[in-house]
Structures are given as structure tokens and as C-alpha cells.
Amino acid sequence: MTLAIISTLWMFTMLSMTLPMHHLPLGIMVLLVAFLNCILIATMSPWYSYMLFFIFIGGMLVMFAYIASLSPNMTFSVNNPLMPITLTFISLLSFKNLNLTPSYPTNTSINSSISDTTQILSFLYTQNGITCVILLACMLLFALVTSVKICKPKSGALRPFLH
């Protein structure tokens, strides 16, 4: 299942590179990547993925408000009109055979006195859960690169002060 989600993210990223560098499609890309990561994490802990998704939504709202105030009013146009249809079709084909049942083995070396919540959260840092941590780190790096690409260094609030 992890391979299916990673390949879907990769296809989505490659196909969306044809979209213009506008804050709306880049924000949608970050939200969809966050949603796919939350689906992956939901196989281990539904509450953790639920909280993580709302944290991503809150961060995206702040980032969208900040970037929308910096960027000029541009019209949103798709470079290739068939790209959204192609992107949707490939994403649906990728999710067709996706199995969302938990298939991760439990770690027997964890002490039984630890509560269930702590045990589920400690799974992220075991050998099997490190994939989720790497995916989250990549998603945060992607959000950082997206916000840097959108902001113009000489006209925004992130410009360096030259005295």
C-alpha cells in the first residue's frame, strides 16, 4: 500500500508540473499530498491522522492568506486543458486497487505497561513506521519549496533588507 501511495504522489507531482506557478494549484497540490499522507497514517492510527489533517489544513490557511496577500491578482489558467482530466484519471486508476486495511505487524519488544496511545505513537519511530515519518518530512519540504517558489524575493515580505 505504501508503494501505491508513493507512486501516486510521484505521478501527481510529475503531471502537475505542467500547471502554472500560481498559488492556487500549488496549494491544492500540497493539500492533496497531505491528504494522501493522512490516508497512509490512518491505517495505523485514525485519530493521529485526523489531528494531523486538521493541522495541515490550519497551516495551509495561514500560508494561503500570507501568499495571497503577497502575490498580485493573476488569472488562473491551465496550460493544457486535458491535464486535469488526465490527472484525475491516473489518480483514480492508482487508487482502484488500494487496500486500506492495516497490515503492519506489532512490535513485541515494547513493554506491555505502556498505554495503547503511546504504543501507537511510538510505532512511527520503529522500523516499519519510519516510512510515514519520511513521507511527512518530504511533504513539509514540498510545502516549503512551494511557498518559496510563489514569493518573489524582491517584492514580498520575505525580501532581504539591502542598506
C-alpha atoms as a PDB file:
ATOM      1  CA  MET A   1       0.000   0.000   0.000  1.00  0.00           C
ATOM      2  CA  THR A   2       2.851   2.371   0.780  1.00  0.00           C
ATOM      3  CA  LEU A   3       4.262   1.793  -2.682  1.00  0.00           C
ATOM      4  CA  ALA A   4       0.893   2.607  -4.263  1.00  0.00           C
ATOM      5  CA  ILE A   5       0.613   5.891  -2.353  1.00  0.00           C
ATOM      6  CA  ILE A   6       4.205   6.882  -3.115  1.00  0.00           C
ATOM      7  CA  SER A   7       3.753   6.100  -6.812  1.00  0.00           C
ATOM      8  CA  THR A   8       0.500   8.090  -6.850  1.00  0.00           C
ATOM      9  CA  LEU A   9       2.267  11.049  -5.240  1.00  0.00           C
ATOM     10  CA  TRP A  10       5.072  10.791  -7.774  1.00  0.00           C
ATOM     11  CA  MET A  11       2.687  10.675 -10.753  1.00  0.00           C
ATOM     12  CA  PHE A  12       0.669  13.549  -9.338  1.00  0.00           C
ATOM     13  CA  THR A  13       3.775  15.663  -8.859  1.00  0.00           C
ATOM     14  CA  MET A  14       5.067  14.976 -12.353  1.00  0.00           C
ATOM     15  CA  LEU A  15       1.734  15.681 -14.023  1.00  0.00           C
ATOM     16  CA  SER A  16       1.108  18.833 -12.032  1.00  0.00           C
ATOM     17  CA  MET A  17       4.407  20.395 -13.080  1.00  0.00           C
ATOM     18  CA  THR A  18       2.663  21.494 -16.274  1.00  0.00           C
ATOM     19  CA  LEU A  19       0.330  23.720 -14.262  1.00  0.00           C
ATOM     20  CA  PRO A  20       1.330  27.376 -13.895  1.00  0.00           C
ATOM     21  CA  MET A  21       3.234  28.559 -10.820  1.00  0.00           C
ATOM     22  CA  HIS A  22       0.178  30.097  -9.206  1.00  0.00           C
ATOM     23  CA  HIS A  23      -0.687  29.880  -5.520  1.00  0.00           C
ATOM     24  CA  LEU A  24      -3.986  28.076  -6.118  1.00  0.00           C
ATOM     25  CA  PRO A  25      -2.731  24.904  -7.902  1.00  0.00           C
ATOM     26  CA  LEU A  26       0.337  24.689  -5.683  1.00  0.00           C
ATOM     27  CA  GLY A  27      -1.828  24.949  -2.569  1.00  0.00           C
ATOM     28  CA  ILE A  28      -4.143  22.255  -3.902  1.00  0.00           C
ATOM     29  CA  MET A  29      -1.124  20.036  -4.586  1.00  0.00           C
ATOM     30  CA  VAL A  30       0.124  20.442  -1.018  1.00  0.00           C
ATOM     31  CA  LEU A  31      -3.352  19.679   0.372  1.00  0.00           C
ATOM     32  CA  LEU A  32      -3.669  16.536  -1.741  1.00  0.00           C
ATOM     33  CA  VAL A  33      -0.225  15.338  -0.674  1.00  0.00           C
ATOM     34  CA  ALA A  34      -1.208  15.957   2.962  1.00  0.00           C
ATOM     35  CA  PHE A  35      -4.456  14.071   2.413  1.00  0.00           C
ATOM     36  CA  LEU A  36      -2.629  11.073   0.914  1.00  0.00           C
ATOM     37  CA  ASN A  37      -0.173  11.072   3.826  1.00  0.00           C
ATOM     38  CA  CYS A  38      -3.081  11.137   6.273  1.00  0.00           C
ATOM     39  CA  ILE A  39      -4.657   8.175   4.465  1.00  0.00           C
ATOM     40  CA  LEU A  40      -1.407   6.264   4.897  1.00  0.00           C
ATOM     41  CA  ILE A  41      -1.169   7.159   8.585  1.00  0.00           C
ATOM     42  CA  ALA A  42      -4.858   6.293   9.117  1.00  0.00           C
ATOM     43  CA  THR A  43      -4.014   2.625   8.616  1.00  0.00           C
ATOM     44  CA  MET A  44      -2.055   2.773  11.864  1.00  0.00           C
ATOM     45  CA  SER A  45      -3.872   5.393  13.945  1.00  0.00           C
ATOM     46  CA  PRO A  46      -7.100   7.042  12.767  1.00  0.00           C
ATOM     47  CA  TRP A  47      -7.074   9.741  15.457  1.00  0.00           C
ATOM     48  CA  TYR A  48      -3.495  10.710  14.738  1.00  0.00           C
ATOM     49  CA  SER A  49      -4.229  11.138  11.035  1.00  0.00           C
ATOM     50  CA  TYR A  50      -7.406  13.090  11.853  1.00  0.00           C
ATOM     51  CA  MET A  51      -5.469  15.545  14.023  1.00  0.00           C
ATOM     52  CA  LEU A  52      -2.622  15.749  11.532  1.00  0.00           C
ATOM     53  CA  PHE A  53      -5.000  16.564   8.675  1.00  0.00           C
ATOM     54  CA  PHE A  54      -6.521  19.458  10.617  1.00  0.00           C
ATOM     55  CA  ILE A  55      -3.056  20.749  11.490  1.00  0.00           C
ATOM     56  CA  PHE A  56      -2.197  20.688   7.782  1.00  0.00           C
ATOM     57  CA  ILE A  57      -5.446  22.494   6.932  1.00  0.00           C
ATOM     58  CA  GLY A  58      -4.709  25.210   9.517  1.00  0.00           C
ATOM     59  CA  GLY A  59      -1.170  25.641   8.241  1.00  0.00           C
ATOM     60  CA  MET A  60      -2.386  25.820   4.663  1.00  0.00           C
ATOM     61  CA  LEU A  61      -4.936  28.501   5.570  1.00  0.00           C
ATOM     62  CA  VAL A  62      -2.206  30.629   7.136  1.00  0.00           C
ATOM     63  CA  MET A  63       0.130  30.023   4.191  1.00  0.00           C
ATOM     64  CA  PHE A  64      -2.625  30.756   1.654  1.00  0.00           C
ATOM     65  CA  ALA A  65      -3.560  34.029   3.368  1.00  0.00           C
ATOM     66  CA  TYR A  66       0.083  35.092   3.523  1.00  0.00           C
ATOM     67  CA  ILE A  67       0.860  34.225  -0.090  1.00  0.00           C
ATOM     68  CA  ALA A  68      -2.418  35.624  -1.430  1.00  0.00           C
ATOM     69  CA  SER A  69      -1.577  38.967   0.153  1.00  0.00           C
ATOM     70  CA  LEU A  70       1.882  38.964  -1.448  1.00  0.00           C
ATOM     71  CA  SER A  71       1.086  37.834  -4.970  1.00  0.00           C
ATOM     72  CA  PRO A  72      -0.650  40.062  -7.492  1.00  0.00           C
ATOM     73  CA  ASN A  73      -4.107  39.264  -8.808  1.00  0.00           C
ATOM     74  CA  MET A  74      -3.395  36.899 -11.663  1.00  0.00           C
ATOM     75  CA  THR A  75      -5.868  34.896 -13.654  1.00  0.00           C
ATOM     76  CA  PHE A  76      -5.686  31.167 -13.160  1.00  0.00           C
ATOM     77  CA  SER A  77      -5.360  29.308 -16.434  1.00  0.00           C
ATOM     78  CA  VAL A  78      -4.343  25.748 -17.139  1.00  0.00           C
ATOM     79  CA  ASN A  79      -1.566  25.331 -19.697  1.00  0.00           C
ATOM     80  CA  ASN A  80      -3.045  22.144 -21.069  1.00  0.00           C
ATOM     81  CA  PRO A  81      -6.848  21.755 -20.858  1.00  0.00           C
ATOM     82  CA  LEU A  82      -6.603  17.947 -20.823  1.00  0.00           C
ATOM     83  CA  MET A  83      -4.236  17.915 -17.830  1.00  0.00           C
ATOM     84  CA  PRO A  84      -6.901  17.940 -15.048  1.00  0.00           C
ATOM     85  CA  ILE A  85      -8.764  15.098 -16.761  1.00  0.00           C
ATOM     86  CA  THR A  86      -5.552  13.100 -17.214  1.00  0.00           C
ATOM     87  CA  LEU A  87      -4.522  13.747 -13.624  1.00  0.00           C
ATOM     88  CA  THR A  88      -7.898  12.647 -12.275  1.00  0.00           C
ATOM     89  CA  PHE A  89      -7.945   9.528 -14.437  1.00  0.00           C
ATOM     90  CA  ILE A  90      -4.455   8.403 -13.393  1.00  0.00           C
ATOM     91  CA  SER A  91      -5.211   9.090  -9.724  1.00  0.00           C
ATOM     92  CA  LEU A  92      -8.402   7.031  -9.900  1.00  0.00           C
ATOM     93  CA  LEU A  93      -6.557   4.163 -11.570  1.00  0.00           C
ATOM     94  CA  SER A  94      -3.902   4.284  -8.855  1.00  0.00           C
ATOM     95  CA  PHE A  95      -6.474   4.170  -6.039  1.00  0.00           C
ATOM     96  CA  LYS A  96      -8.537   1.411  -7.646  1.00  0.00           C
ATOM     97  CA  ASN A  97      -6.577  -1.455  -6.108  1.00  0.00           C
ATOM     98  CA  LEU A  98      -5.564   0.347  -2.923  1.00  0.00           C
ATOM     99  CA  ASN A  99      -6.108  -1.752   0.191  1.00  0.00           C
ATOM    100  CA  LEU A 100      -6.691   0.437   3.253  1.00  0.00           C
ATOM    101  CA  THR A 101      -6.644  -2.317   5.865  1.00  0.00           C
ATOM    102  CA  PRO A 102      -3.869  -2.239   8.448  1.00  0.00           C
ATOM    103  CA  SER A 103      -1.161  -4.723   7.565  1.00  0.00           C
ATOM    104  CA  TYR A 104       1.627  -3.632   9.882  1.00  0.00           C
ATOM    105  CA  PRO A 105       2.941  -6.143  12.418  1.00  0.00           C
ATOM    106  CA  THR A 106       3.034  -5.035  16.021  1.00  0.00           C
ATOM    107  CA  ASN A 107       6.327  -4.587  17.794  1.00  0.00           C
ATOM    108  CA  THR A 108       6.521  -7.206  20.565  1.00  0.00           C
ATOM    109  CA  SER A 109       9.561  -5.671  22.256  1.00  0.00           C
ATOM    110  CA  ILE A 110       7.563  -2.683  23.533  1.00  0.00           C
ATOM    111  CA  ASN A 111       6.738  -3.018  27.189  1.00  0.00           C
ATOM    112  CA  SER A 112       3.132  -4.065  27.845  1.00  0.00           C
ATOM    113  CA  SER A 113       2.736  -1.468  30.599  1.00  0.00           C
ATOM    114  CA  ILE A 114       2.783   1.360  28.049  1.00  0.00           C
ATOM    115  CA  SER A 115      -0.688   2.579  27.178  1.00  0.00           C
ATOM    116  CA  ASP A 116      -2.225   1.911  23.776  1.00  0.00           C
ATOM    117  CA  THR A 117      -1.967   5.531  22.695  1.00  0.00           C
ATOM    118  CA  THR A 118       1.727   5.705  23.464  1.00  0.00           C
ATOM    119  CA  GLN A 119       2.252   2.387  21.737  1.00  0.00           C
ATOM    120  CA  ILE A 120       0.536   3.592  18.568  1.00  0.00           C
ATOM    121  CA  LEU A 121       2.501   6.842  18.514  1.00  0.00           C
ATOM    122  CA  SER A 122       5.775   5.037  19.197  1.00  0.00           C
ATOM    123  CA  PHE A 123       5.102   2.907  16.127  1.00  0.00           C
ATOM    124  CA  LEU A 124       6.080   5.867  13.937  1.00  0.00           C
ATOM    125  CA  TYR A 125       9.676   5.566  15.115  1.00  0.00           C
ATOM    126  CA  THR A 126      10.052   1.822  14.710  1.00  0.00           C
ATOM    127  CA  GLN A 127      11.440   0.105  11.632  1.00  0.00           C
ATOM    128  CA  ASN A 128       8.029  -0.202   9.959  1.00  0.00           C
ATOM    129  CA  GLY A 129       6.763   3.292  10.765  1.00  0.00           C
ATOM    130  CA  ILE A 130       9.754   5.260   9.567  1.00  0.00           C
ATOM    131  CA  THR A 131       8.156   5.437   6.100  1.00  0.00           C
ATOM    132  CA  CYS A 132       5.411   7.678   7.469  1.00  0.00           C
ATOM    133  CA  VAL A 133       7.937   9.976   9.115  1.00  0.00           C
ATOM    134  CA  ILE A 134       9.917  10.244   5.873  1.00  0.00           C
ATOM    135  CA  LEU A 135       6.739  10.984   3.900  1.00  0.00           C
ATOM    136  CA  LEU A 136       5.770  13.716   6.365  1.00  0.00           C
ATOM    137  CA  ALA A 137       9.233  15.257   6.156  1.00  0.00           C
ATOM    138  CA  CYS A 138       9.066  15.214   2.347  1.00  0.00           C
ATOM    139  CA  MET A 139       5.625  16.800   2.420  1.00  0.00           C
ATOM    140  CA  LEU A 140       6.843  19.601   4.692  1.00  0.00           C
ATOM    141  CA  LEU A 141       9.848  20.134   2.423  1.00  0.00           C
ATOM    142  CA  PHE A 142       7.482  20.315  -0.552  1.00  0.00           C
ATOM    143  CA  ALA A 143       5.352  22.918   1.256  1.00  0.00           C
ATOM    144  CA  LEU A 144       8.478  24.955   1.995  1.00  0.00           C
ATOM    145  CA  VAL A 145       9.675  24.824  -1.616  1.00  0.00           C
ATOM    146  CA  THR A 146       6.174  25.731  -2.815  1.00  0.00           C
ATOM    147  CA  SER A 147       5.997  28.830  -0.641  1.00  0.00           C
ATOM    148  CA  VAL A 148       9.490  29.910  -1.695  1.00  0.00           C
ATOM    149  CA  LYS A 149       8.618  29.439  -5.390  1.00  0.00           C
ATOM    150  CA  ILE A 150       5.491  31.569  -5.064  1.00  0.00           C
ATOM    151  CA  CYS A 151       7.039  34.506  -3.207  1.00  0.00           C
ATOM    152  CA  LYS A 152       9.025  36.940  -5.314  1.00  0.00           C
ATOM    153  CA  PRO A 153      12.185  37.794  -3.362  1.00  0.00           C
ATOM    154  CA  LYS A 154      12.391  41.449  -4.408  1.00  0.00           C
ATOM    155  CA  SER A 155       8.759  42.439  -3.859  1.00  0.00           C
ATOM    156  CA  GLY A 156       7.453  40.393  -0.947  1.00  0.00           C
ATOM    157  CA  ALA A 157       7.750  40.449   2.803  1.00  0.00           C
ATOM    158  CA  LEU A 158      10.471  37.792   2.624  1.00  0.00           C
ATOM    159  CA  ARG A 159      12.879  40.072   0.712  1.00  0.00           C
ATOM    160  CA  PRO A 160      16.296  40.777   2.201  1.00  0.00           C
ATOM    161  CA  PHE A 161      16.960  44.248   3.503  1.00  0.00           C
ATOM    162  CA  LEU A 162      19.691  45.919   1.472  1.00  0.00           C
ATOM    163  CA  HIS A 163      21.128  49.034   3.153  1.00  0.00           C
END
